[in-house]
Amino acid sequence: MSSIENMIAWMQARKGKVTYSMTSRMGPKSYDCSSSVFFAMIAGGFLSSGSMGNTETLFGMSGTKLKEISRGEVQRGISSSQALQEVQLVRMDTLVFF
């Protein structure tokens, strides 16, 4: 069963322990904005192990795994502060981004 809480736990476990890198984006010591979201989605059971893509791939999931929302709709979550975009994870059946 998919779990937003498992996604948030994956992100929280790395908070302050990893660096941002577009060239070394596959962990475990660094990720970029999209690879961290992919790994969190895998940890949450939303994607199969080995799934990977980029920001365009994530935006392509809008309407399926992801739902675009406004800042005012964000309820509970964390953000990727070193990323070019801000990604929010909220308690819903789908991962939400804006």
PDB file of N, CA and C in Angstrom:
ATOM      1  N   MET A   1       0.827  -1.177   0.000  1.00  0.00           N
ATOM      2  CA  MET A   1       0.000   0.000   0.000  1.00  0.00           C
ATOM      3  C   MET A   1       0.879   1.252   0.000  1.00  0.00           C
ATOM      4  N   SER A   2       0.536   2.232  -0.798  1.00  0.00           N
ATOM      5  CA  SER A   2       1.302   3.468  -0.904  1.00  0.00           C
ATOM      6  C   SER A   2       1.134   4.320   0.344  1.00  0.00           C
ATOM      7  N   SER A   3       2.208   5.000   0.734  1.00  0.00           N
ATOM      8  CA  SER A   3       2.182   5.775   1.963  1.00  0.00           C
ATOM      9  C   SER A   3       2.931   7.093   1.815  1.00  0.00           C
ATOM     10  N   ILE A   4       2.206   8.204   1.933  1.00  0.00           N
ATOM     11  CA  ILE A   4       2.832   9.521   1.944  1.00  0.00           C
ATOM     12  C   ILE A   4       3.765   9.629   3.150  1.00  0.00           C
ATOM     13  N   GLU A   5       3.381   9.040   4.269  1.00  0.00           N
ATOM     14  CA  GLU A   5       4.219   9.096   5.471  1.00  0.00           C
ATOM     15  C   GLU A   5       5.582   8.456   5.232  1.00  0.00           C
ATOM     16  N   ASN A   6       5.632   7.356   4.454  1.00  0.00           N
ATOM     17  CA  ASN A   6       6.920   6.733   4.135  1.00  0.00           C
ATOM     18  C   ASN A   6       7.765   7.639   3.250  1.00  0.00           C
ATOM     19  N   MET A   7       7.115   8.387   2.376  1.00  0.00           N
ATOM     20  CA  MET A   7       7.847   9.351   1.541  1.00  0.00           C
ATOM     21  C   MET A   7       8.447  10.447   2.409  1.00  0.00           C
ATOM     22  N   ILE A   8       7.646  10.982   3.308  1.00  0.00           N
ATOM     23  CA  ILE A   8       8.120  12.044   4.186  1.00  0.00           C
ATOM     24  C   ILE A   8       9.242  11.521   5.077  1.00  0.00           C
ATOM     25  N   ALA A   9       9.103  10.306   5.586  1.00  0.00           N
ATOM     26  CA  ALA A   9      10.150   9.705   6.424  1.00  0.00           C
ATOM     27  C   ALA A   9      11.444   9.555   5.644  1.00  0.00           C
ATOM     28  N   TRP A  10      11.364   9.169   4.370  1.00  0.00           N
ATOM     29  CA  TRP A  10      12.570   9.034   3.536  1.00  0.00           C
ATOM     30  C   TRP A  10      13.262  10.389   3.427  1.00  0.00           C
ATOM     31  N   MET A  11      12.499  11.444   3.162  1.00  0.00           N
ATOM     32  CA  MET A  11      13.086  12.789   3.059  1.00  0.00           C
ATOM     33  C   MET A  11      13.649  13.244   4.407  1.00  0.00           C
ATOM     34  N   GLN A  12      12.894  13.067   5.468  1.00  0.00           N
ATOM     35  CA  GLN A  12      13.336  13.511   6.799  1.00  0.00           C
ATOM     36  C   GLN A  12      14.620  12.798   7.227  1.00  0.00           C
ATOM     37  N   ALA A  13      14.766  11.517   6.874  1.00  0.00           N
ATOM     38  CA  ALA A  13      15.959  10.750   7.244  1.00  0.00           C
ATOM     39  C   ALA A  13      17.217  11.315   6.599  1.00  0.00           C
ATOM     40  N   ARG A  14      17.073  12.072   5.531  1.00  0.00           N
ATOM     41  CA  ARG A  14      18.220  12.627   4.811  1.00  0.00           C
ATOM     42  C   ARG A  14      18.431  14.113   5.065  1.00  0.00           C
ATOM     43  N   LYS A  15      17.495  14.723   5.774  1.00  0.00           N
ATOM     44  CA  LYS A  15      17.561  16.160   6.039  1.00  0.00           C
ATOM     45  C   LYS A  15      18.872  16.509   6.747  1.00  0.00           C
ATOM     46  N   GLY A  16      19.648  17.408   6.156  1.00  0.00           N
ATOM     47  CA  GLY A  16      20.914  17.835   6.725  1.00  0.00           C
ATOM     48  C   GLY A  16      22.059  16.861   6.555  1.00  0.00           C
ATOM     49  N   LYS A  17      21.811  15.728   5.897  1.00  0.00           N
ATOM     50  CA  LYS A  17      22.839  14.685   5.758  1.00  0.00           C
ATOM     51  C   LYS A  17      23.307  14.486   4.328  1.00  0.00           C
ATOM     52  N   VAL A  18      22.627  15.094   3.370  1.00  0.00           N
ATOM     53  CA  VAL A  18      22.999  14.919   1.961  1.00  0.00           C
ATOM     54  C   VAL A  18      23.212  16.289   1.326  1.00  0.00           C
ATOM     55  N   THR A  19      23.858  16.273   0.174  1.00  0.00           N
ATOM     56  CA  THR A  19      24.090  17.501  -0.574  1.00  0.00           C
ATOM     57  C   THR A  19      23.320  17.464  -1.884  1.00  0.00           C
ATOM     58  N   TYR A  20      23.206  18.630  -2.492  1.00  0.00           N
ATOM     59  CA  TYR A  20      22.561  18.759  -3.799  1.00  0.00           C
ATOM     60  C   TYR A  20      23.616  18.605  -4.889  1.00  0.00           C
ATOM     61  N   SER A  21      23.350  17.733  -5.852  1.00  0.00           N
ATOM     62  CA  SER A  21      24.259  17.575  -6.982  1.00  0.00           C
ATOM     63  C   SER A  21      23.487  17.050  -8.182  1.00  0.00           C
ATOM     64  N   MET A  22      23.638  17.731  -9.308  1.00  0.00           N
ATOM     65  CA  MET A  22      23.018  17.236 -10.540  1.00  0.00           C
ATOM     66  C   MET A  22      23.873  16.143 -11.177  1.00  0.00           C
ATOM     67  N   THR A  23      25.159  16.114 -10.873  1.00  0.00           N
ATOM     68  CA  THR A  23      26.033  15.096 -11.466  1.00  0.00           C
ATOM     69  C   THR A  23      26.103  13.818 -10.637  1.00  0.00           C
ATOM     70  N   SER A  24      25.919  13.935  -9.326  1.00  0.00           N
ATOM     71  CA  SER A  24      25.904  12.761  -8.444  1.00  0.00           C
ATOM     72  C   SER A  24      24.534  12.670  -7.803  1.00  0.00           C
ATOM     73  N   ARG A  25      23.515  12.498  -8.619  1.00  0.00           N
ATOM     74  CA  ARG A  25      22.119  12.620  -8.183  1.00  0.00           C
ATOM     75  C   ARG A  25      21.484  11.325  -7.709  1.00  0.00           C
ATOM     76  N   MET A  26      22.229  10.234  -7.693  1.00  0.00           N
ATOM     77  CA  MET A  26      21.631   8.935  -7.399  1.00  0.00           C
ATOM     78  C   MET A  26      21.887   8.449  -5.970  1.00  0.00           C
ATOM     79  N   GLY A  27      22.308   9.354  -5.084  1.00  0.00           N
ATOM     80  CA  GLY A  27      22.506   8.994  -3.693  1.00  0.00           C
ATOM     81  C   GLY A  27      23.728   8.123  -3.482  1.00  0.00           C
ATOM     82  N   PRO A  28      24.007   7.707  -2.306  1.00  0.00           N
ATOM     83  CA  PRO A  28      23.248   8.006  -1.091  1.00  0.00           C
ATOM     84  C   PRO A  28      23.669   9.311  -0.406  1.00  0.00           C
ATOM     85  N   LYS A  29      24.740   9.968  -0.902  1.00  0.00           N
ATOM     86  CA  LYS A  29      25.212  11.186  -0.236  1.00  0.00           C
ATOM     87  C   LYS A  29      24.744  12.467  -0.909  1.00  0.00           C
ATOM     88  N   SER A  30      24.230  12.371  -2.122  1.00  0.00           N
ATOM     89  CA  SER A  30      23.727  13.561  -2.812  1.00  0.00           C
ATOM     90  C   SER A  30      22.612  13.183  -3.772  1.00  0.00           C
ATOM     91  N   TYR A  31      21.717  14.148  -3.980  1.00  0.00           N
ATOM     92  CA  TYR A  31      20.569  13.996  -4.879  1.00  0.00           C
ATOM     93  C   TYR A  31      20.316  15.347  -5.521  1.00  0.00           C
ATOM     94  N   ASP A  32      19.592  15.361  -6.630  1.00  0.00           N
ATOM     95  CA  ASP A  32      19.061  16.624  -7.121  1.00  0.00           C
ATOM     96  C   ASP A  32      17.572  16.636  -6.804  1.00  0.00           C
ATOM     97  N   CYS A  33      16.885  17.713  -7.184  1.00  0.00           N
ATOM     98  CA  CYS A  33      15.483  17.852  -6.759  1.00  0.00           C
ATOM     99  C   CYS A  33      14.620  16.697  -7.256  1.00  0.00           C
ATOM    100  N   SER A  34      14.752  16.323  -8.515  1.00  0.00           N
ATOM    101  CA  SER A  34      13.870  15.277  -9.040  1.00  0.00           C
ATOM    102  C   SER A  34      14.268  13.885  -8.566  1.00  0.00           C
ATOM    103  N   SER A  35      15.568  13.594  -8.472  1.00  0.00           N
ATOM    104  CA  SER A  35      15.952  12.246  -8.030  1.00  0.00           C
ATOM    105  C   SER A  35      15.506  12.002  -6.593  1.00  0.00           C
ATOM    106  N   SER A  36      15.555  13.040  -5.744  1.00  0.00           N
ATOM    107  CA  SER A  36      15.097  12.848  -4.358  1.00  0.00           C
ATOM    108  C   SER A  36      13.600  12.550  -4.321  1.00  0.00           C
ATOM    109  N   VAL A  37      12.836  13.189  -5.185  1.00  0.00           N
ATOM    110  CA  VAL A  37      11.398  12.910  -5.234  1.00  0.00           C
ATOM    111  C   VAL A  37      11.160  11.488  -5.739  1.00  0.00           C
ATOM    112  N   PHE A  38      11.894  11.055  -6.761  1.00  0.00           N
ATOM    113  CA  PHE A  38      11.735   9.686  -7.264  1.00  0.00           C
ATOM    114  C   PHE A  38      12.059   8.665  -6.179  1.00  0.00           C
ATOM    115  N   PHE A  39      13.178   8.850  -5.477  1.00  0.00           N
ATOM    116  CA  PHE A  39      13.533   7.909  -4.404  1.00  0.00           C
ATOM    117  C   PHE A  39      12.479   7.903  -3.299  1.00  0.00           C
ATOM    118  N   ALA A  40      11.946   9.077  -2.955  1.00  0.00           N
ATOM    119  CA  ALA A  40      10.897   9.146  -1.938  1.00  0.00           C
ATOM    120  C   ALA A  40       9.629   8.453  -2.419  1.00  0.00           C
ATOM    121  N   MET A  41       9.283   8.621  -3.690  1.00  0.00           N
ATOM    122  CA  MET A  41       8.095   7.953  -4.237  1.00  0.00           C
ATOM    123  C   MET A  41       8.266   6.437  -4.230  1.00  0.00           C
ATOM    124  N   ILE A  42       9.488   5.963  -4.487  1.00  0.00           N
ATOM    125  CA  ILE A  42       9.768   4.523  -4.413  1.00  0.00           C
ATOM    126  C   ILE A  42       9.609   4.052  -2.965  1.00  0.00           C
ATOM    127  N   ALA A  43      10.190   4.808  -2.019  1.00  0.00           N
ATOM    128  CA  ALA A  43      10.077   4.450  -0.602  1.00  0.00           C
ATOM    129  C   ALA A  43       8.620   4.442  -0.146  1.00  0.00           C
ATOM    130  N   GLY A  44       7.822   5.308  -0.736  1.00  0.00           N
ATOM    131  CA  GLY A  44       6.411   5.374  -0.381  1.00  0.00           C
ATOM    132  C   GLY A  44       5.542   4.362  -1.095  1.00  0.00           C
ATOM    133  N   GLY A  45       6.128   3.625  -2.034  1.00  0.00           N
ATOM    134  CA  GLY A  45       5.371   2.610  -2.752  1.00  0.00           C
ATOM    135  C   GLY A  45       4.573   3.131  -3.936  1.00  0.00           C
ATOM    136  N   PHE A  46       4.849   4.377  -4.351  1.00  0.00           N
ATOM    137  CA  PHE A  46       4.141   4.957  -5.488  1.00  0.00           C
ATOM    138  C   PHE A  46       4.778   4.598  -6.820  1.00  0.00           C
ATOM    139  N   LEU A  47       6.074   4.251  -6.799  1.00  0.00           N
ATOM    140  CA  LEU A  47       6.802   3.841  -8.006  1.00  0.00           C
ATOM    141  C   LEU A  47       7.568   2.563  -7.709  1.00  0.00           C
ATOM    142  N   SER A  48       7.844   1.801  -8.751  1.00  0.00           N
ATOM    143  CA  SER A  48       8.610   0.566  -8.565  1.00  0.00           C
ATOM    144  C   SER A  48      10.093   0.876  -8.420  1.00  0.00           C
ATOM    145  N   SER A  49      10.794  -0.007  -7.730  1.00  0.00           N
ATOM    146  CA  SER A  49      12.232   0.137  -7.537  1.00  0.00           C
ATOM    147  C   SER A  49      12.915   0.249  -8.895  1.00  0.00           C
ATOM    148  N   GLY A  50      13.869   1.158  -8.991  1.00  0.00           N
ATOM    149  CA  GLY A  50      14.580   1.357 -10.248  1.00  0.00           C
ATOM    150  C   GLY A  50      13.978   2.453 -11.115  1.00  0.00           C
ATOM    151  N   SER A  51      12.816   2.957 -10.742  1.00  0.00           N
ATOM    152  CA  SER A  51      12.205   4.063 -11.489  1.00  0.00           C
ATOM    153  C   SER A  51      13.054   5.314 -11.314  1.00  0.00           C
ATOM    154  N   MET A  52      13.229   6.072 -12.378  1.00  0.00           N
ATOM    155  CA  MET A  52      13.978   7.321 -12.277  1.00  0.00           C
ATOM    156  C   MET A  52      13.617   8.198 -13.453  1.00  0.00           C
ATOM    157  N   GLY A  53      13.720   9.485 -13.261  1.00  0.00           N
ATOM    158  CA  GLY A  53      13.442  10.453 -14.308  1.00  0.00           C
ATOM    159  C   GLY A  53      13.965  11.805 -13.899  1.00  0.00           C
ATOM    160  N   ASN A  54      13.389  12.836 -14.482  1.00  0.00           N
ATOM    161  CA  ASN A  54      13.805  14.200 -14.188  1.00  0.00           C
ATOM    162  C   ASN A  54      12.571  15.046 -13.891  1.00  0.00           C
ATOM    163  N   THR A  55      12.757  16.354 -13.807  1.00  0.00           N
ATOM    164  CA  THR A  55      11.645  17.243 -13.494  1.00  0.00           C
ATOM    165  C   THR A  55      10.535  17.137 -14.533  1.00  0.00           C
ATOM    166  N   GLU A  56      10.905  17.044 -15.798  1.00  0.00           N
ATOM    167  CA  GLU A  56       9.886  16.898 -16.849  1.00  0.00           C
ATOM    168  C   GLU A  56       9.092  15.613 -16.672  1.00  0.00           C
ATOM    169  N   THR A  57       9.760  14.540 -16.271  1.00  0.00           N
ATOM    170  CA  THR A  57       9.071  13.278 -16.009  1.00  0.00           C
ATOM    171  C   THR A  57       8.058  13.455 -14.884  1.00  0.00           C
ATOM    172  N   LEU A  58       8.453  14.165 -13.832  1.00  0.00           N
ATOM    173  CA  LEU A  58       7.535  14.415 -12.714  1.00  0.00           C
ATOM    174  C   LEU A  58       6.325  15.213 -13.169  1.00  0.00           C
ATOM    175  N   PHE A  59       6.547  16.278 -13.940  1.00  0.00           N
ATOM    176  CA  PHE A  59       5.420  17.066 -14.427  1.00  0.00           C
ATOM    177  C   PHE A  59       4.537  16.238 -15.351  1.00  0.00           C
ATOM    178  N   GLY A  60       5.112  15.258 -16.035  1.00  0.00           N
ATOM    179  CA  GLY A  60       4.342  14.351 -16.885  1.00  0.00           C
ATOM    180  C   GLY A  60       3.423  13.440 -16.090  1.00  0.00           C
ATOM    181  N   MET A  61       3.669  13.307 -14.789  1.00  0.00           N
ATOM    182  CA  MET A  61       2.827  12.474 -13.927  1.00  0.00           C
ATOM    183  C   MET A  61       1.614  13.236 -13.398  1.00  0.00           C
ATOM    184  N   SER A  62       1.498  14.517 -13.747  1.00  0.00           N
ATOM    185  CA  SER A  62       0.366  15.321 -13.299  1.00  0.00           C
ATOM    186  C   SER A  62      -0.935  14.686 -13.775  1.00  0.00           C
ATOM    187  N   GLY A  63      -1.833  14.495 -12.834  1.00  0.00           N
ATOM    188  CA  GLY A  63      -3.114  13.863 -13.154  1.00  0.00           C
ATOM    189  C   GLY A  63      -3.129  12.368 -12.905  1.00  0.00           C
ATOM    190  N   THR A  64      -1.956  11.776 -12.682  1.00  0.00           N
ATOM    191  CA  THR A  64      -1.906  10.346 -12.365  1.00  0.00           C
ATOM    192  C   THR A  64      -1.340  10.178 -10.954  1.00  0.00           C
ATOM    193  N   LYS A  65      -0.031  10.191 -10.819  1.00  0.00           N
ATOM    194  CA  LYS A  65       0.615  10.061  -9.508  1.00  0.00           C
ATOM    195  C   LYS A  65       0.704  11.413  -8.800  1.00  0.00           C
ATOM    196  N   LEU A  66       0.668  12.485  -9.546  1.00  0.00           N
ATOM    197  CA  LEU A  66       0.848  13.822  -8.997  1.00  0.00           C
ATOM    198  C   LEU A  66      -0.344  14.709  -9.312  1.00  0.00           C
ATOM    199  N   LYS A  67      -0.579  15.649  -8.427  1.00  0.00           N
ATOM    200  CA  LYS A  67      -1.659  16.607  -8.622  1.00  0.00           C
ATOM    201  C   LYS A  67      -1.102  18.001  -8.372  1.00  0.00           C
ATOM    202  N   GLU A  68      -1.245  18.889  -9.326  1.00  0.00           N
ATOM    203  CA  GLU A  68      -0.757  20.248  -9.164  1.00  0.00           C
ATOM    204  C   GLU A  68      -1.726  21.031  -8.290  1.00  0.00           C
ATOM    205  N   ILE A  69      -1.166  21.764  -7.307  1.00  0.00           N
ATOM    206  CA  ILE A  69      -1.985  22.570  -6.405  1.00  0.00           C
ATOM    207  C   ILE A  69      -1.353  23.948  -6.226  1.00  0.00           C
ATOM    208  N   SER A  70      -2.091  24.851  -5.604  1.00  0.00           N
ATOM    209  CA  SER A  70      -1.557  26.169  -5.284  1.00  0.00           C
ATOM    210  C   SER A  70      -0.922  26.130  -3.896  1.00  0.00           C
ATOM    211  N   ARG A  71      -0.143  27.151  -3.570  1.00  0.00           N
ATOM    212  CA  ARG A  71       0.472  27.217  -2.245  1.00  0.00           C
ATOM    213  C   ARG A  71      -0.578  27.201  -1.135  1.00  0.00           C
ATOM    214  N   GLY A  72      -1.700  27.829  -1.374  1.00  0.00           N
ATOM    215  CA  GLY A  72      -2.755  27.889  -0.376  1.00  0.00           C
ATOM    216  C   GLY A  72      -3.377  26.548  -0.046  1.00  0.00           C
ATOM    217  N   GLU A  73      -3.207  25.563  -0.914  1.00  0.00           N
ATOM    218  CA  GLU A  73      -3.781  24.237  -0.697  1.00  0.00           C
ATOM    219  C   GLU A  73      -2.849  23.291   0.049  1.00  0.00           C
ATOM    220  N   VAL A  74      -1.595  23.683   0.259  1.00  0.00           N
ATOM    221  CA  VAL A  74      -0.632  22.811   0.926  1.00  0.00           C
ATOM    222  C   VAL A  74      -1.054  22.621   2.370  1.00  0.00           C
ATOM    223  N   GLN A  75      -1.048  21.357   2.835  1.00  0.00           N
ATOM    224  CA  GLN A  75      -1.481  21.050   4.194  1.00  0.00           C
ATOM    225  C   GLN A  75      -0.331  20.636   5.087  1.00  0.00           C
ATOM    226  N   ARG A  76       0.324  19.533   4.779  1.00  0.00           N
ATOM    227  CA  ARG A  76       1.420  19.044   5.607  1.00  0.00           C
ATOM    228  C   ARG A  76       2.527  18.660   4.660  1.00  0.00           C
ATOM    229  N   GLY A  77       3.734  19.028   4.963  1.00  0.00           N
ATOM    230  CA  GLY A  77       4.778  18.613   4.049  1.00  0.00           C
ATOM    231  C   GLY A  77       6.138  19.162   4.377  1.00  0.00           C
ATOM    232  N   ILE A  78       7.055  18.879   3.461  1.00  0.00           N
ATOM    233  CA  ILE A  78       8.427  19.342   3.547  1.00  0.00           C
ATOM    234  C   ILE A  78       8.798  19.894   2.192  1.00  0.00           C
ATOM    235  N   SER A  79       9.811  20.696   2.138  1.00  0.00           N
ATOM    236  CA  SER A  79      10.221  21.232   0.850  1.00  0.00           C
ATOM    237  C   SER A  79      11.693  20.942   0.598  1.00  0.00           C
ATOM    238  N   SER A  80      12.056  20.868  -0.652  1.00  0.00           N
ATOM    239  CA  SER A  80      13.431  20.665  -1.069  1.00  0.00           C
ATOM    240  C   SER A  80      14.032  22.053  -1.284  1.00  0.00           C
ATOM    241  N   SER A  81      14.750  22.563  -0.278  1.00  0.00           N
ATOM    242  CA  SER A  81      15.172  23.956  -0.290  1.00  0.00           C
ATOM    243  C   SER A  81      16.282  24.249  -1.284  1.00  0.00           C
ATOM    244  N   GLN A  82      17.068  23.267  -1.689  1.00  0.00           N
ATOM    245  CA  GLN A  82      18.157  23.512  -2.618  1.00  0.00           C
ATOM    246  C   GLN A  82      17.771  23.259  -4.062  1.00  0.00           C
ATOM    247  N   ALA A  83      16.528  22.973  -4.309  1.00  0.00           N
ATOM    248  CA  ALA A  83      16.084  22.643  -5.660  1.00  0.00           C
ATOM    249  C   ALA A  83      15.639  23.881  -6.411  1.00  0.00           C
ATOM    250  N   LEU A  84      15.552  23.768  -7.715  1.00  0.00           N
ATOM    251  CA  LEU A  84      15.060  24.860  -8.543  1.00  0.00           C
ATOM    252  C   LEU A  84      13.560  25.031  -8.377  1.00  0.00           C
ATOM    253  N   GLN A  85      12.883  23.989  -7.997  1.00  0.00           N
ATOM    254  CA  GLN A  85      11.442  24.040  -7.741  1.00  0.00           C
ATOM    255  C   GLN A  85      11.209  23.661  -6.299  1.00  0.00           C
ATOM    256  N   GLU A  86      10.066  23.975  -5.784  1.00  0.00           N
ATOM    257  CA  GLU A  86       9.735  23.566  -4.422  1.00  0.00           C
ATOM    258  C   GLU A  86       8.753  22.416  -4.516  1.00  0.00           C
ATOM    259  N   VAL A  87       9.056  21.359  -3.830  1.00  0.00           N
ATOM    260  CA  VAL A  87       8.229  20.163  -3.882  1.00  0.00           C
ATOM    261  C   VAL A  87       7.588  19.979  -2.517  1.00  0.00           C
ATOM    262  N   GLN A  88       6.312  19.784  -2.497  1.00  0.00           N
ATOM    263  CA  GLN A  88       5.604  19.584  -1.247  1.00  0.00           C
ATOM    264  C   GLN A  88       4.970  18.194  -1.239  1.00  0.00           C
ATOM    265  N   LEU A  89       5.054  17.541  -0.127  1.00  0.00           N
ATOM    266  CA  LEU A  89       4.415  16.246   0.066  1.00  0.00           C
ATOM    267  C   LEU A  89       3.298  16.442   1.075  1.00  0.00           C
ATOM    268  N   VAL A  90       2.103  16.092   0.719  1.00  0.00           N
ATOM    269  CA  VAL A  90       0.984  16.293   1.636  1.00  0.00           C
ATOM    270  C   VAL A  90       0.184  15.019   1.818  1.00  0.00           C
ATOM    271  N   ARG A  91      -0.589  14.961   2.882  1.00  0.00           N
ATOM    272  CA  ARG A  91      -1.392  13.785   3.189  1.00  0.00           C
ATOM    273  C   ARG A  91      -2.594  13.727   2.264  1.00  0.00           C
ATOM    274  N   MET A  92      -2.468  12.965   1.193  1.00  0.00           N
ATOM    275  CA  MET A  92      -3.539  12.726   0.230  1.00  0.00           C
ATOM    276  C   MET A  92      -3.256  11.381  -0.420  1.00  0.00           C
ATOM    277  N   ASP A  93      -4.085  10.945  -1.345  1.00  0.00           N
ATOM    278  CA  ASP A  93      -3.844   9.702  -2.047  1.00  0.00           C
ATOM    279  C   ASP A  93      -2.801   9.851  -3.137  1.00  0.00           C
ATOM    280  N   THR A  94      -2.478  11.062  -3.485  1.00  0.00           N
ATOM    281  CA  THR A  94      -1.465  11.301  -4.514  1.00  0.00           C
ATOM    282  C   THR A  94      -0.418  12.262  -3.985  1.00  0.00           C
ATOM    283  N   LEU A  95       0.755  12.223  -4.563  1.00  0.00           N
ATOM    284  CA  LEU A  95       1.800  13.196  -4.259  1.00  0.00           C
ATOM    285  C   LEU A  95       1.374  14.495  -4.919  1.00  0.00           C
ATOM    286  N   VAL A  96       1.537  15.582  -4.223  1.00  0.00           N
ATOM    287  CA  VAL A  96       1.099  16.875  -4.739  1.00  0.00           C
ATOM    288  C   VAL A  96       2.316  17.771  -4.904  1.00  0.00           C
ATOM    289  N   PHE A  97       2.387  18.490  -6.016  1.00  0.00           N
ATOM    290  CA  PHE A  97       3.481  19.414  -6.238  1.00  0.00           C
ATOM    291  C   PHE A  97       2.921  20.715  -6.800  1.00  0.00           C
ATOM    292  N   PHE A  98       3.733  21.795  -6.697  1.00  0.00           N
ATOM    293  CA  PHE A  98       3.357  23.050  -7.318  1.00  0.00           C
ATOM    294  C   PHE A  98       4.585  23.784  -7.749  1.00  0.00           C
TER     295      PHE A  98
END
